[in-house]
Amino acid sequence: MTSLLARTLGGAALALVAATGAMAQESTNQVAVMTDWSVFSEPKGGKPAECWGVTVPKETVNTRDGKPVSVRRGDILLFVTFRAGGGGKGEISFTGGYPFAPGSSVNVNVDGSQFEMFTDGEYAWTTNADQDAALMAALRKGNTAVMSARSGKGTQTKDTFSLRGFTAAMEDAAKRCN
C-alpha cells in the first residue's frame, strides 16, 4: 500500500511514503531540484512508473494547550505523486511525522484558501481527484501552504511549506511519467 522514498535533502535523511501499489520500495532516484521542491522518478521496465515532487517545511510549530512544546517527530513531507498513464494528474499527500489523531483531518491553508485532507495513521490525502485538482491549482498559484493537524497524543502542529519551484517541479514530474 505504500512506496518508500529515502534520500538526503539539505543534509537531513528523509523517508517518504507515497500511496501506491501493494509493495514498499526504496528510491534514491532524484532527477531534478526546482528551488524548494525535488523531483524523483521510480523506473519499472526501463520507463518511469511513478514520479513525484516533494518538499520539507520551512517552519514547524508544535503546541499543546496553547503553549509551545518540544516533541519528537519523524519526517514531515508534502508531496505530489504522478503515475505512468495517469494523464498528468497528481495525487497530493502529506506526512506529519507522527500518527494523526484517529478520525481527525489536516487543514491546508494556501494563501487563505482552505482545504481538508483525511488522515490514516501518519499520512493524509484529499478524498478524490477533484479535490486534488483544486488543491493543485491553489498550490500552483500560492506562495506558502500551511498544514495544521493534531497528533494522537493531542499535540497541535502547524507546518509551513514554501511553494517556490512547485509549478516547475510538478510539470517536470508529470512529463516524466506521462
C-alpha atoms as a PDB file:
ATOM      1  CA  MET A   1       0.000   0.000   0.000  1.00  0.00           C
ATOM      2  CA  THR A   2       2.975   2.311   0.329  1.00  0.00           C
ATOM      3  CA  SER A   3       6.105   3.218  -1.525  1.00  0.00           C
ATOM      4  CA  LEU A   4       9.162   4.384   0.408  1.00  0.00           C
ATOM      5  CA  LEU A   5      11.468   7.105  -0.838  1.00  0.00           C
ATOM      6  CA  ALA A   6      14.657   7.563   1.135  1.00  0.00           C
ATOM      7  CA  ARG A   7      17.017  10.389   0.315  1.00  0.00           C
ATOM      8  CA  THR A   8      19.085  13.203   1.723  1.00  0.00           C
ATOM      9  CA  LEU A   9      17.730  16.749   1.400  1.00  0.00           C
ATOM     10  CA  GLY A  10      19.695  19.592   2.935  1.00  0.00           C
ATOM     11  CA  GLY A  11      21.753  17.093   4.942  1.00  0.00           C
ATOM     12  CA  ALA A  12      18.758  15.537   6.713  1.00  0.00           C
ATOM     13  CA  ALA A  13      17.765  11.958   5.961  1.00  0.00           C
ATOM     14  CA  LEU A  14      14.195  11.741   4.734  1.00  0.00           C
ATOM     15  CA  ALA A  15      11.833   8.861   4.250  1.00  0.00           C
ATOM     16  CA  LEU A  16       8.794   9.460   2.120  1.00  0.00           C
ATOM     17  CA  VAL A  17       5.798   7.241   1.988  1.00  0.00           C
ATOM     18  CA  ALA A  18       3.569   7.729  -1.048  1.00  0.00           C
ATOM     19  CA  ALA A  19       0.329   5.952  -1.787  1.00  0.00           C
ATOM     20  CA  THR A  20       0.949   3.337  -4.479  1.00  0.00           C
ATOM     21  CA  GLY A  21       0.516  -0.378  -5.029  1.00  0.00           C
ATOM     22  CA  ALA A  22       0.991  -3.270  -2.653  1.00  0.00           C
ATOM     23  CA  MET A  23       4.768  -3.289  -2.112  1.00  0.00           C
ATOM     24  CA  ALA A  24       7.144  -0.961  -0.324  1.00  0.00           C
ATOM     25  CA  GLN A  25      10.102   0.166  -2.402  1.00  0.00           C
ATOM     26  CA  GLU A  26      13.086   2.350  -1.723  1.00  0.00           C
ATOM     27  CA  SER A  27      14.171   5.056  -4.105  1.00  0.00           C
ATOM     28  CA  THR A  28      17.040   7.476  -4.248  1.00  0.00           C
ATOM     29  CA  ASN A  29      16.280   8.474  -7.834  1.00  0.00           C
ATOM     30  CA  GLN A  30      16.333  12.250  -7.552  1.00  0.00           C
ATOM     31  CA  VAL A  31      16.132  13.652 -11.079  1.00  0.00           C
ATOM     32  CA  ALA A  32      15.678  17.400 -10.550  1.00  0.00           C
ATOM     33  CA  VAL A  33      15.607  20.213  -7.984  1.00  0.00           C
ATOM     34  CA  MET A  34      13.332  23.199  -8.546  1.00  0.00           C
ATOM     35  CA  THR A  35      14.090  25.769  -5.828  1.00  0.00           C
ATOM     36  CA  ASP A  36      12.375  24.301  -2.705  1.00  0.00           C
ATOM     37  CA  TRP A  37      10.998  21.159  -4.411  1.00  0.00           C
ATOM     38  CA  SER A  38      12.771  17.981  -5.505  1.00  0.00           C
ATOM     39  CA  VAL A  39      11.612  15.587  -8.230  1.00  0.00           C
ATOM     40  CA  PHE A  40      12.064  11.813  -8.134  1.00  0.00           C
ATOM     41  CA  SER A  41      11.356   9.074 -10.641  1.00  0.00           C
ATOM     42  CA  GLU A  42      10.930   5.357  -9.970  1.00  0.00           C
ATOM     43  CA  PRO A  43      11.531   3.257 -13.098  1.00  0.00           C
ATOM     44  CA  LYS A  44       9.860  -0.016 -13.970  1.00  0.00           C
ATOM     45  CA  GLY A  45      10.831  -1.867 -17.122  1.00  0.00           C
ATOM     46  CA  GLY A  46      13.178   0.949 -18.178  1.00  0.00           C
ATOM     47  CA  LYS A  47      10.456   3.648 -18.076  1.00  0.00           C
ATOM     48  CA  PRO A  48       9.309   5.843 -15.182  1.00  0.00           C
ATOM     49  CA  ALA A  49       6.357   4.157 -13.482  1.00  0.00           C
ATOM     50  CA  GLU A  50       5.969   6.726 -10.729  1.00  0.00           C
ATOM     51  CA  CYS A  51       7.262  10.286 -10.380  1.00  0.00           C
ATOM     52  CA  TRP A  52       6.827  12.721  -7.531  1.00  0.00           C
ATOM     53  CA  GLY A  53       7.687  16.157  -6.247  1.00  0.00           C
ATOM     54  CA  VAL A  54       8.460  16.576  -2.546  1.00  0.00           C
ATOM     55  CA  THR A  55       9.437  19.276  -0.079  1.00  0.00           C
ATOM     56  CA  VAL A  56      10.108  19.730   3.638  1.00  0.00           C
ATOM     57  CA  PRO A  57       8.636  22.508   5.812  1.00  0.00           C
ATOM     58  CA  LYS A  58      10.366  25.849   6.247  1.00  0.00           C
ATOM     59  CA  GLU A  59       8.803  26.253   9.702  1.00  0.00           C
ATOM     60  CA  THR A  60       7.253  23.854  12.213  1.00  0.00           C
ATOM     61  CA  VAL A  61       5.307  24.852  15.345  1.00  0.00           C
ATOM     62  CA  ASN A  62       4.130  22.312  17.952  1.00  0.00           C
ATOM     63  CA  THR A  63       1.732  23.303  20.733  1.00  0.00           C
ATOM     64  CA  ARG A  64      -0.253  21.623  23.492  1.00  0.00           C
ATOM     65  CA  ASP A  65      -2.922  23.516  25.461  1.00  0.00           C
ATOM     66  CA  GLY A  66      -1.921  26.632  23.502  1.00  0.00           C
ATOM     67  CA  LYS A  67       1.712  26.507  24.671  1.00  0.00           C
ATOM     68  CA  PRO A  68       4.742  25.677  22.523  1.00  0.00           C
ATOM     69  CA  VAL A  69       6.157  22.222  23.238  1.00  0.00           C
ATOM     70  CA  SER A  70       9.147  20.277  22.094  1.00  0.00           C
ATOM     71  CA  VAL A  71       8.092  16.995  20.524  1.00  0.00           C
ATOM     72  CA  ARG A  72       9.854  14.316  18.602  1.00  0.00           C
ATOM     73  CA  ARG A  73       8.531  13.915  15.074  1.00  0.00           C
ATOM     74  CA  GLY A  74       9.623  11.854  12.127  1.00  0.00           C
ATOM     75  CA  ASP A  75       9.940  13.191   8.607  1.00  0.00           C
ATOM     76  CA  ILE A  76       7.477  15.928   7.672  1.00  0.00           C
ATOM     77  CA  LEU A  77       6.801  15.964   3.920  1.00  0.00           C
ATOM     78  CA  LEU A  78       4.382  17.381   1.399  1.00  0.00           C
ATOM     79  CA  PHE A  79       4.377  15.590  -1.921  1.00  0.00           C
ATOM     80  CA  VAL A  80       2.556  15.038  -5.200  1.00  0.00           C
ATOM     81  CA  THR A  81       2.727  11.663  -6.946  1.00  0.00           C
ATOM     82  CA  PHE A  82       2.222  11.035 -10.680  1.00  0.00           C
ATOM     83  CA  ARG A  83       1.806   7.576 -12.174  1.00  0.00           C
ATOM     84  CA  ALA A  84       2.578   6.438 -15.713  1.00  0.00           C
ATOM     85  CA  GLY A  85      -0.602   6.515 -17.766  1.00  0.00           C
ATOM     86  CA  GLY A  86      -2.294   8.835 -15.252  1.00  0.00           C
ATOM     87  CA  GLY A  87      -2.713  11.668 -17.744  1.00  0.00           C
ATOM     88  CA  GLY A  88      -0.509  14.035 -15.749  1.00  0.00           C
ATOM     89  CA  LYS A  89      -2.901  14.155 -12.793  1.00  0.00           C
ATOM     90  CA  GLY A  90      -1.129  14.265  -9.461  1.00  0.00           C
ATOM     91  CA  GLU A  91      -2.159  12.847  -6.083  1.00  0.00           C
ATOM     92  CA  ILE A  92      -1.349  15.155  -3.167  1.00  0.00           C
ATOM     93  CA  SER A  93      -0.360  13.688   0.184  1.00  0.00           C
ATOM     94  CA  PHE A  94       1.239  14.747   3.450  1.00  0.00           C
ATOM     95  CA  THR A  95       3.021  13.013   6.289  1.00  0.00           C
ATOM     96  CA  GLY A  96       3.293  14.870   9.586  1.00  0.00           C
ATOM     97  CA  GLY A  97       5.948  12.673  11.171  1.00  0.00           C
ATOM     98  CA  TYR A  98       3.575  11.186  13.759  1.00  0.00           C
ATOM     99  CA  PRO A  99       0.304   9.233  13.892  1.00  0.00           C
ATOM    100  CA  PHE A 100      -2.592  11.644  13.455  1.00  0.00           C
ATOM    101  CA  ALA A 101      -5.443  11.564  15.971  1.00  0.00           C
ATOM    102  CA  PRO A 102      -7.959   8.922  14.879  1.00  0.00           C
ATOM    103  CA  GLY A 103     -10.814  10.465  12.897  1.00  0.00           C
ATOM    104  CA  SER A 104      -9.019  13.799  12.579  1.00  0.00           C
ATOM    105  CA  SER A 105      -8.257  15.727   9.410  1.00  0.00           C
ATOM    106  CA  VAL A 106      -5.472  18.010   8.216  1.00  0.00           C
ATOM    107  CA  ASN A 107      -6.407  21.596   7.414  1.00  0.00           C
ATOM    108  CA  VAL A 108      -4.496  23.022   4.450  1.00  0.00           C
ATOM    109  CA  ASN A 109      -4.284  26.796   4.047  1.00  0.00           C
ATOM    110  CA  VAL A 110      -2.793  28.008   0.766  1.00  0.00           C
ATOM    111  CA  ASP A 111      -2.598  31.799   0.967  1.00  0.00           C
ATOM    112  CA  GLY A 112      -6.092  31.980   2.524  1.00  0.00           C
ATOM    113  CA  SER A 113      -7.750  29.195   0.509  1.00  0.00           C
ATOM    114  CA  GLN A 114      -8.815  26.322   2.784  1.00  0.00           C
ATOM    115  CA  PHE A 115      -8.750  22.590   2.013  1.00  0.00           C
ATOM    116  CA  GLU A 116      -9.110  19.457   4.096  1.00  0.00           C
ATOM    117  CA  MET A 117      -7.320  16.114   3.908  1.00  0.00           C
ATOM    118  CA  PHE A 118      -8.387  12.884   5.599  1.00  0.00           C
ATOM    119  CA  THR A 119      -5.875  11.025   7.761  1.00  0.00           C
ATOM    120  CA  ASP A 120      -4.909   7.399   8.146  1.00  0.00           C
ATOM    121  CA  GLY A 121      -2.042   6.639  10.515  1.00  0.00           C
ATOM    122  CA  GLU A 122       0.816   9.032   9.720  1.00  0.00           C
ATOM    123  CA  TYR A 123      -0.490  10.108   6.290  1.00  0.00           C
ATOM    124  CA  ALA A 124      -3.137  12.403   4.848  1.00  0.00           C
ATOM    125  CA  TRP A 125      -4.729  12.676   1.390  1.00  0.00           C
ATOM    126  CA  THR A 126      -7.522  14.527  -0.348  1.00  0.00           C
ATOM    127  CA  THR A 127     -10.669  12.462  -0.782  1.00  0.00           C
ATOM    128  CA  ASN A 128     -10.841  12.433  -4.596  1.00  0.00           C
ATOM    129  CA  ALA A 129      -9.347  13.587  -7.894  1.00  0.00           C
ATOM    130  CA  ASP A 130     -11.470  16.762  -7.955  1.00  0.00           C
ATOM    131  CA  GLN A 131     -10.056  17.847  -4.601  1.00  0.00           C
ATOM    132  CA  ASP A 132      -6.548  17.002  -5.803  1.00  0.00           C
ATOM    133  CA  ALA A 133      -7.117  19.225  -8.858  1.00  0.00           C
ATOM    134  CA  ALA A 134      -8.483  22.129  -6.786  1.00  0.00           C
ATOM    135  CA  LEU A 135      -5.645  21.929  -4.265  1.00  0.00           C
ATOM    136  CA  MET A 136      -3.084  21.550  -7.061  1.00  0.00           C
ATOM    137  CA  ALA A 137      -4.414  24.743  -8.715  1.00  0.00           C
ATOM    138  CA  ALA A 138      -4.111  26.640  -5.413  1.00  0.00           C
ATOM    139  CA  LEU A 139      -0.582  25.324  -4.809  1.00  0.00           C
ATOM    140  CA  ARG A 140       0.480  26.434  -8.311  1.00  0.00           C
ATOM    141  CA  LYS A 141      -0.726  29.993  -7.598  1.00  0.00           C
ATOM    142  CA  GLY A 142       0.320  30.190  -3.949  1.00  0.00           C
ATOM    143  CA  ASN A 143       3.398  31.211  -2.017  1.00  0.00           C
ATOM    144  CA  THR A 144       3.003  29.009   1.080  1.00  0.00           C
ATOM    145  CA  ALA A 145       0.970  26.040   2.243  1.00  0.00           C
ATOM    146  CA  VAL A 146       0.283  25.633   5.957  1.00  0.00           C
ATOM    147  CA  MET A 147      -0.707  22.179   7.178  1.00  0.00           C
ATOM    148  CA  SER A 148      -2.450  22.172  10.591  1.00  0.00           C
ATOM    149  CA  ALA A 149      -3.134  18.870  12.319  1.00  0.00           C
ATOM    150  CA  ARG A 150      -3.473  17.061  15.652  1.00  0.00           C
ATOM    151  CA  SER A 151      -1.432  14.090  16.779  1.00  0.00           C
ATOM    152  CA  GLY A 152      -2.778  11.057  18.566  1.00  0.00           C
ATOM    153  CA  LYS A 153      -1.196  12.482  21.736  1.00  0.00           C
ATOM    154  CA  GLY A 154      -3.075  15.786  21.399  1.00  0.00           C
ATOM    155  CA  THR A 155      -0.247  17.937  20.073  1.00  0.00           C
ATOM    156  CA  GLN A 156      -1.369  20.603  17.605  1.00  0.00           C
ATOM    157  CA  THR A 157       1.094  21.024  14.735  1.00  0.00           C
ATOM    158  CA  LYS A 158       1.466  23.699  12.100  1.00  0.00           C
ATOM    159  CA  ASP A 159       3.929  23.105   9.262  1.00  0.00           C
ATOM    160  CA  THR A 160       4.639  25.834   6.712  1.00  0.00           C
ATOM    161  CA  PHE A 161       5.865  24.811   3.253  1.00  0.00           C
ATOM    162  CA  SER A 162       7.329  27.056   0.568  1.00  0.00           C
ATOM    163  CA  LEU A 163       5.752  26.755  -2.867  1.00  0.00           C
ATOM    164  CA  ARG A 164       8.769  28.242  -4.658  1.00  0.00           C
ATOM    165  CA  GLY A 165       9.535  25.872  -7.525  1.00  0.00           C
ATOM    166  CA  PHE A 166       6.268  23.932  -7.103  1.00  0.00           C
ATOM    167  CA  THR A 167       4.900  24.530 -10.610  1.00  0.00           C
ATOM    168  CA  ALA A 168       8.193  23.704 -12.336  1.00  0.00           C
ATOM    169  CA  ALA A 169       8.624  20.554 -10.229  1.00  0.00           C
ATOM    170  CA  MET A 170       5.072  19.371 -10.956  1.00  0.00           C
ATOM    171  CA  GLU A 171       5.447  19.983 -14.688  1.00  0.00           C
ATOM    172  CA  ASP A 172       8.715  18.033 -14.672  1.00  0.00           C
ATOM    173  CA  ALA A 173       7.316  15.098 -12.663  1.00  0.00           C
ATOM    174  CA  ALA A 174       4.126  14.895 -14.762  1.00  0.00           C
ATOM    175  CA  LYS A 175       6.108  14.993 -18.004  1.00  0.00           C
ATOM    176  CA  ARG A 176       8.437  12.204 -16.861  1.00  0.00           C
ATOM    177  CA  CYS A 177       5.505   9.894 -16.063  1.00  0.00           C
ATOM    178  CA  ASN A 178       3.201  10.768 -18.941  1.00  0.00           C
END
